[in-house]
Amino acid sequence: MAFDYVPILIQVLVAIAIAVGVILISKYLGSRNPTAAKLAPYECGMTPVGQAWRRFPIKFFLTAMLFVLFDIEVIFFVPWAAVLRHLRAGGTEYVVFALGEMAVFAGFLALGYAYIIKKRALEWEA
């Protein structure tokens, strides 16, 4: 039973060895010639103008977090739909239970979306 995981252990060790090896090779064999041009920030081929650190409006981060949140929640619909097909073979009570559980989950999603709309989190001109 313990020998079943030996190939995985070997793969992890090889991956670690390759990563460490590449880092060491680049450290000892790579050329180091830091010039002002090499140390300057690169912005799409243009010369940087102004301060590199500036404040972004919170709406950017809020929209990104809401997208990730709802994207991850919607991902749960896919395995549920795949399992629902197999639950039909088990009988009607399993399908009704699965539909009820997904209705509760979708209700929480709708409640969260209504809260976001009420707080005007997706409006840019606030």
N, C-alpha and C. Protein backbone atom coordinates (compact mmCIF):
# COMPACT_ATOMS: atom_id res chain seq x y z
N MET A 1 0.83 -1.19 0.00
CA MET A 1 0.00 0.00 0.00
C MET A 1 0.87 1.26 0.00
N ALA A 2 1.94 1.26 0.79
CA ALA A 2 2.81 2.43 0.84
C ALA A 2 3.60 2.59 -0.45
N PHE A 3 3.81 1.48 -1.17
CA PHE A 3 4.57 1.56 -2.41
C PHE A 3 3.77 2.19 -3.54
N ASP A 4 2.47 2.37 -3.35
CA ASP A 4 1.65 2.99 -4.38
C ASP A 4 2.02 4.46 -4.58
N TYR A 5 2.57 5.10 -3.56
CA TYR A 5 2.88 6.52 -3.63
C TYR A 5 4.34 6.80 -4.02
N VAL A 6 5.11 5.78 -4.27
CA VAL A 6 6.52 5.96 -4.63
C VAL A 6 6.67 6.73 -5.95
N PRO A 7 5.89 6.46 -7.00
CA PRO A 7 6.04 7.25 -8.23
C PRO A 7 5.73 8.74 -8.02
N ILE A 8 4.77 9.03 -7.17
CA ILE A 8 4.45 10.44 -6.89
C ILE A 8 5.60 11.09 -6.14
N LEU A 9 6.17 10.39 -5.18
CA LEU A 9 7.31 10.91 -4.44
C LEU A 9 8.50 11.15 -5.36
N ILE A 10 8.75 10.23 -6.28
CA ILE A 10 9.84 10.40 -7.23
C ILE A 10 9.59 11.62 -8.11
N GLN A 11 8.36 11.81 -8.56
CA GLN A 11 8.03 12.95 -9.41
C GLN A 11 8.22 14.27 -8.66
N VAL A 12 7.81 14.32 -7.41
CA VAL A 12 8.00 15.53 -6.60
C VAL A 12 9.48 15.81 -6.40
N LEU A 13 10.25 14.80 -6.10
CA LEU A 13 11.69 14.99 -5.90
C LEU A 13 12.38 15.45 -7.18
N VAL A 14 12.00 14.89 -8.32
CA VAL A 14 12.57 15.33 -9.60
C VAL A 14 12.20 16.77 -9.88
N ALA A 15 10.96 17.15 -9.60
CA ALA A 15 10.53 18.54 -9.83
C ALA A 15 11.31 19.51 -8.95
N ILE A 16 11.50 19.15 -7.69
CA ILE A 16 12.28 20.00 -6.78
C ILE A 16 13.73 20.09 -7.24
N ALA A 17 14.30 18.96 -7.67
CA ALA A 17 15.69 18.96 -8.14
C ALA A 17 15.85 19.83 -9.38
N ILE A 18 14.91 19.77 -10.30
CA ILE A 18 14.99 20.60 -11.50
C ILE A 18 14.88 22.08 -11.14
N ALA A 19 13.95 22.42 -10.24
CA ALA A 19 13.79 23.83 -9.85
C ALA A 19 15.05 24.35 -9.17
N VAL A 20 15.58 23.60 -8.23
CA VAL A 20 16.80 24.03 -7.53
C VAL A 20 17.97 24.07 -8.50
N GLY A 21 18.06 23.12 -9.39
CA GLY A 21 19.15 23.08 -10.36
C GLY A 21 19.13 24.29 -11.30
N VAL A 22 17.97 24.66 -11.79
CA VAL A 22 17.87 25.82 -12.68
C VAL A 22 18.26 27.09 -11.95
N ILE A 23 17.83 27.23 -10.70
CA ILE A 23 18.19 28.42 -9.92
C ILE A 23 19.69 28.48 -9.69
N LEU A 24 20.28 27.36 -9.32
CA LEU A 24 21.73 27.34 -9.07
C LEU A 24 22.53 27.58 -10.34
N ILE A 25 22.11 26.99 -11.44
CA ILE A 25 22.82 27.20 -12.71
C ILE A 25 22.76 28.67 -13.12
N SER A 26 21.60 29.28 -12.99
CA SER A 26 21.51 30.69 -13.38
C SER A 26 22.30 31.59 -12.43
N LYS A 27 22.40 31.18 -11.17
CA LYS A 27 23.15 31.99 -10.21
C LYS A 27 24.65 31.93 -10.48
N TYR A 28 25.17 30.74 -10.75
CA TYR A 28 26.61 30.59 -10.90
C TYR A 28 27.11 30.78 -12.33
N LEU A 29 26.29 30.50 -13.33
CA LEU A 29 26.74 30.61 -14.71
C LEU A 29 26.20 31.85 -15.42
N GLY A 30 25.20 32.49 -14.86
CA GLY A 30 24.61 33.66 -15.51
C GLY A 30 25.48 34.89 -15.37
N SER A 31 25.38 35.76 -16.36
CA SER A 31 26.18 36.99 -16.30
C SER A 31 25.44 38.04 -15.48
N ARG A 32 26.25 38.82 -14.76
CA ARG A 32 25.68 39.89 -13.93
C ARG A 32 26.32 41.19 -14.38
N ASN A 33 25.53 42.01 -15.05
CA ASN A 33 26.00 43.30 -15.50
C ASN A 33 24.87 44.32 -15.31
N PRO A 34 24.59 44.69 -14.06
CA PRO A 34 23.47 45.61 -13.84
C PRO A 34 23.81 47.03 -14.29
N THR A 35 23.07 47.51 -15.25
CA THR A 35 23.23 48.89 -15.70
C THR A 35 21.97 49.66 -15.35
N ALA A 36 22.01 50.95 -15.53
CA ALA A 36 20.84 51.78 -15.22
C ALA A 36 19.67 51.42 -16.11
N ALA A 37 19.95 51.08 -17.37
CA ALA A 37 18.87 50.71 -18.29
C ALA A 37 18.24 49.38 -17.89
N LYS A 38 19.05 48.45 -17.41
CA LYS A 38 18.51 47.15 -17.01
C LYS A 38 17.72 47.23 -15.72
N LEU A 39 18.08 48.15 -14.85
CA LEU A 39 17.39 48.27 -13.57
C LEU A 39 16.16 49.18 -13.63
N ALA A 40 15.95 49.84 -14.75
CA ALA A 40 14.78 50.73 -14.89
C ALA A 40 13.52 49.90 -15.10
N PRO A 41 12.38 50.36 -14.60
CA PRO A 41 11.13 49.63 -14.83
C PRO A 41 10.73 49.69 -16.31
N TYR A 42 10.11 48.62 -16.76
CA TYR A 42 9.71 48.51 -18.16
C TYR A 42 8.20 48.61 -18.25
N GLU A 43 7.72 49.59 -19.03
CA GLU A 43 6.28 49.78 -19.17
C GLU A 43 5.92 49.81 -20.65
N CYS A 44 5.73 48.67 -21.23
CA CYS A 44 5.24 48.53 -22.61
C CYS A 44 6.11 49.27 -23.61
N GLY A 45 7.40 49.31 -23.40
CA GLY A 45 8.29 49.95 -24.35
C GLY A 45 8.40 51.45 -24.19
N MET A 46 7.68 52.03 -23.25
CA MET A 46 7.72 53.48 -23.06
C MET A 46 8.61 53.82 -21.87
N THR A 47 9.15 55.01 -21.90
CA THR A 47 9.93 55.48 -20.77
C THR A 47 8.99 55.77 -19.61
N PRO A 48 9.28 55.28 -18.43
CA PRO A 48 8.39 55.52 -17.30
C PRO A 48 8.32 57.01 -16.96
N VAL A 49 7.11 57.48 -16.71
CA VAL A 49 6.89 58.88 -16.37
C VAL A 49 6.14 58.94 -15.05
N GLY A 50 6.60 59.73 -14.13
CA GLY A 50 5.88 59.91 -12.87
C GLY A 50 6.22 58.85 -11.85
N GLN A 51 5.47 58.88 -10.79
CA GLN A 51 5.67 57.98 -9.67
C GLN A 51 5.13 56.59 -10.01
N ALA A 52 5.88 55.55 -9.69
CA ALA A 52 5.44 54.19 -9.99
C ALA A 52 4.34 53.75 -9.04
N TRP A 53 4.35 54.24 -7.81
CA TRP A 53 3.34 53.86 -6.83
C TRP A 53 2.25 54.92 -6.81
N ARG A 54 1.07 54.54 -7.25
CA ARG A 54 -0.07 55.44 -7.17
C ARG A 54 -1.27 54.66 -6.68
N ARG A 55 -2.21 55.37 -6.14
CA ARG A 55 -3.37 54.72 -5.55
C ARG A 55 -4.41 54.44 -6.63
N PHE A 56 -4.93 53.22 -6.59
CA PHE A 56 -6.03 52.86 -7.47
C PHE A 56 -7.33 52.98 -6.70
N PRO A 57 -8.39 53.35 -7.38
CA PRO A 57 -9.69 53.38 -6.69
C PRO A 57 -10.08 51.98 -6.20
N ILE A 58 -10.76 51.94 -5.09
CA ILE A 58 -11.14 50.66 -4.48
C ILE A 58 -12.09 49.88 -5.37
N LYS A 59 -12.75 50.54 -6.30
CA LYS A 59 -13.70 49.86 -7.19
C LYS A 59 -13.02 48.78 -8.03
N PHE A 60 -11.77 49.00 -8.40
CA PHE A 60 -11.05 47.99 -9.17
C PHE A 60 -10.92 46.70 -8.36
N PHE A 61 -10.49 46.83 -7.13
CA PHE A 61 -10.27 45.65 -6.29
C PHE A 61 -11.59 45.00 -5.91
N LEU A 62 -12.60 45.82 -5.63
CA LEU A 62 -13.91 45.29 -5.25
C LEU A 62 -14.52 44.50 -6.40
N THR A 63 -14.43 45.04 -7.60
CA THR A 63 -14.97 44.33 -8.76
C THR A 63 -14.20 43.03 -9.00
N ALA A 64 -12.90 43.05 -8.85
CA ALA A 64 -12.10 41.84 -9.05
C ALA A 64 -12.45 40.78 -8.01
N MET A 65 -12.59 41.19 -6.75
CA MET A 65 -12.93 40.22 -5.71
C MET A 65 -14.33 39.65 -5.92
N LEU A 66 -15.28 40.48 -6.33
CA LEU A 66 -16.63 39.99 -6.59
C LEU A 66 -16.64 39.03 -7.76
N PHE A 67 -15.86 39.32 -8.79
CA PHE A 67 -15.78 38.41 -9.93
C PHE A 67 -15.24 37.05 -9.50
N VAL A 68 -14.16 37.06 -8.74
CA VAL A 68 -13.57 35.80 -8.29
C VAL A 68 -14.55 35.04 -7.40
N LEU A 69 -15.21 35.75 -6.50
CA LEU A 69 -16.16 35.13 -5.59
C LEU A 69 -17.28 34.44 -6.35
N PHE A 70 -17.93 35.16 -7.26
CA PHE A 70 -19.04 34.56 -7.98
C PHE A 70 -18.58 33.55 -9.01
N ASP A 71 -17.40 33.72 -9.55
CA ASP A 71 -16.86 32.75 -10.49
C ASP A 71 -16.63 31.41 -9.79
N ILE A 72 -16.06 31.45 -8.60
CA ILE A 72 -15.82 30.21 -7.86
C ILE A 72 -17.14 29.56 -7.45
N GLU A 73 -18.11 30.36 -7.08
CA GLU A 73 -19.40 29.79 -6.68
C GLU A 73 -20.11 29.16 -7.86
N VAL A 74 -20.02 29.76 -9.02
CA VAL A 74 -20.69 29.21 -10.20
C VAL A 74 -20.01 27.91 -10.64
N ILE A 75 -18.72 27.78 -10.35
CA ILE A 75 -18.00 26.55 -10.71
C ILE A 75 -18.63 25.33 -10.01
N PHE A 76 -19.26 25.54 -8.85
CA PHE A 76 -19.87 24.42 -8.14
C PHE A 76 -21.09 23.87 -8.86
N PHE A 77 -21.65 24.59 -9.82
CA PHE A 77 -22.79 24.08 -10.58
C PHE A 77 -22.39 22.93 -11.50
N VAL A 78 -21.17 22.95 -12.01
CA VAL A 78 -20.75 21.94 -12.99
C VAL A 78 -20.68 20.53 -12.38
N PRO A 79 -19.97 20.34 -11.26
CA PRO A 79 -19.96 18.98 -10.70
C PRO A 79 -21.33 18.55 -10.20
N TRP A 80 -22.13 19.51 -9.73
CA TRP A 80 -23.49 19.18 -9.29
C TRP A 80 -24.30 18.64 -10.47
N ALA A 81 -24.18 19.28 -11.63
CA ALA A 81 -24.92 18.81 -12.81
C ALA A 81 -24.43 17.44 -13.25
N ALA A 82 -23.15 17.19 -13.12
CA ALA A 82 -22.62 15.88 -13.50
C ALA A 82 -23.11 14.79 -12.55
N VAL A 83 -23.17 15.10 -11.27
CA VAL A 83 -23.62 14.11 -10.28
C VAL A 83 -25.13 13.90 -10.37
N LEU A 84 -25.85 14.93 -10.75
CA LEU A 84 -27.31 14.81 -10.83
C LEU A 84 -27.72 13.73 -11.83
N ARG A 85 -26.97 13.60 -12.90
CA ARG A 85 -27.28 12.57 -13.89
C ARG A 85 -27.18 11.17 -13.28
N HIS A 86 -26.20 10.97 -12.41
CA HIS A 86 -26.03 9.67 -11.77
C HIS A 86 -27.04 9.46 -10.65
N LEU A 87 -27.51 10.54 -10.06
CA LEU A 87 -28.48 10.41 -8.98
C LEU A 87 -29.85 9.96 -9.48
N ARG A 88 -30.15 10.22 -10.74
CA ARG A 88 -31.44 9.79 -11.29
C ARG A 88 -31.59 8.28 -11.26
N ALA A 89 -30.47 7.58 -11.34
CA ALA A 89 -30.53 6.12 -11.29
C ALA A 89 -30.88 5.63 -9.89
N GLY A 90 -30.58 6.44 -8.86
CA GLY A 90 -30.84 6.04 -7.49
C GLY A 90 -32.28 6.21 -7.06
N GLY A 91 -33.04 6.98 -7.76
CA GLY A 91 -34.44 7.17 -7.39
C GLY A 91 -34.80 8.65 -7.33
N THR A 92 -36.09 8.89 -7.24
CA THR A 92 -36.59 10.27 -7.28
C THR A 92 -36.23 11.06 -6.04
N GLU A 93 -36.16 10.40 -4.87
CA GLU A 93 -35.89 11.14 -3.64
C GLU A 93 -34.50 11.76 -3.66
N TYR A 94 -33.53 11.12 -4.32
CA TYR A 94 -32.19 11.68 -4.42
C TYR A 94 -32.18 12.92 -5.31
N VAL A 95 -32.92 12.86 -6.40
CA VAL A 95 -32.98 13.98 -7.32
C VAL A 95 -33.65 15.17 -6.66
N VAL A 96 -34.73 14.92 -5.93
CA VAL A 96 -35.42 16.01 -5.25
C VAL A 96 -34.51 16.63 -4.18
N PHE A 97 -33.78 15.81 -3.46
CA PHE A 97 -32.85 16.31 -2.46
C PHE A 97 -31.76 17.16 -3.12
N ALA A 98 -31.19 16.68 -4.23
CA ALA A 98 -30.14 17.42 -4.93
C ALA A 98 -30.66 18.74 -5.47
N LEU A 99 -31.87 18.73 -6.01
CA LEU A 99 -32.46 19.97 -6.51
C LEU A 99 -32.72 20.96 -5.37
N GLY A 100 -33.15 20.44 -4.24
CA GLY A 100 -33.37 21.30 -3.08
C GLY A 100 -32.08 21.92 -2.57
N GLU A 101 -31.04 21.12 -2.51
CA GLU A 101 -29.75 21.64 -2.07
C GLU A 101 -29.23 22.72 -3.03
N MET A 102 -29.40 22.49 -4.33
CA MET A 102 -28.94 23.49 -5.28
C MET A 102 -29.82 24.73 -5.24
N ALA A 103 -31.10 24.57 -4.92
CA ALA A 103 -31.97 25.74 -4.77
C ALA A 103 -31.52 26.59 -3.58
N VAL A 104 -31.11 25.94 -2.50
CA VAL A 104 -30.59 26.69 -1.35
C VAL A 104 -29.30 27.42 -1.73
N PHE A 105 -28.42 26.73 -2.44
CA PHE A 105 -27.15 27.34 -2.87
C PHE A 105 -27.41 28.51 -3.81
N ALA A 106 -28.30 28.33 -4.78
CA ALA A 106 -28.62 29.41 -5.71
C ALA A 106 -29.31 30.56 -4.98
N GLY A 107 -30.08 30.24 -3.94
CA GLY A 107 -30.71 31.29 -3.14
C GLY A 107 -29.67 32.14 -2.43
N PHE A 108 -28.64 31.50 -1.89
CA PHE A 108 -27.56 32.26 -1.26
C PHE A 108 -26.83 33.13 -2.29
N LEU A 109 -26.64 32.59 -3.50
CA LEU A 109 -26.02 33.39 -4.55
C LEU A 109 -26.88 34.61 -4.89
N ALA A 110 -28.18 34.39 -5.02
CA ALA A 110 -29.08 35.50 -5.34
C ALA A 110 -29.11 36.52 -4.20
N LEU A 111 -29.08 36.04 -2.97
CA LEU A 111 -29.06 36.94 -1.83
C LEU A 111 -27.78 37.79 -1.83
N GLY A 112 -26.65 37.18 -2.11
CA GLY A 112 -25.40 37.92 -2.20
C GLY A 112 -25.41 38.92 -3.34
N TYR A 113 -25.98 38.53 -4.46
CA TYR A 113 -26.06 39.44 -5.60
C TYR A 113 -26.99 40.62 -5.29
N ALA A 114 -28.10 40.35 -4.63
CA ALA A 114 -29.00 41.44 -4.24
C ALA A 114 -28.32 42.39 -3.26
N TYR A 115 -27.53 41.87 -2.35
CA TYR A 115 -26.79 42.72 -1.41
C TYR A 115 -25.80 43.61 -2.15
N ILE A 116 -25.11 43.04 -3.15
CA ILE A 116 -24.14 43.81 -3.93
C ILE A 116 -24.85 44.92 -4.70
N ILE A 117 -25.99 44.61 -5.28
CA ILE A 117 -26.75 45.61 -6.02
C ILE A 117 -27.24 46.70 -5.07
N LYS A 118 -27.73 46.30 -3.89
CA LYS A 118 -28.23 47.28 -2.92
C LYS A 118 -27.12 48.21 -2.45
N LYS A 119 -25.93 47.70 -2.24
CA LYS A 119 -24.80 48.52 -1.79
C LYS A 119 -24.14 49.28 -2.95
N ARG A 120 -24.62 49.09 -4.16
CA ARG A 120 -24.11 49.74 -5.36
C ARG A 120 -22.62 49.48 -5.56
N ALA A 121 -22.23 48.25 -5.33
CA ALA A 121 -20.80 47.88 -5.42
C ALA A 121 -20.32 47.81 -6.86
N LEU A 122 -21.20 47.65 -7.81
CA LEU A 122 -20.79 47.53 -9.20
C LEU A 122 -20.92 48.84 -9.98
N GLU A 123 -21.27 49.92 -9.31
CA GLU A 123 -21.40 51.23 -9.98
C GLU A 123 -20.07 51.95 -9.90
N TRP A 124 -19.61 52.48 -11.03
CA TRP A 124 -18.32 53.14 -11.06
C TRP A 124 -18.40 54.61 -10.70
N GLU A 125 -19.52 55.26 -10.93
CA GLU A 125 -19.63 56.69 -10.70
C GLU A 125 -20.26 56.98 -9.34
N ALA A 126 -19.79 56.39 -8.30
CA ALA A 126 -20.40 56.60 -6.98
C ALA A 126 -19.64 57.62 -6.18
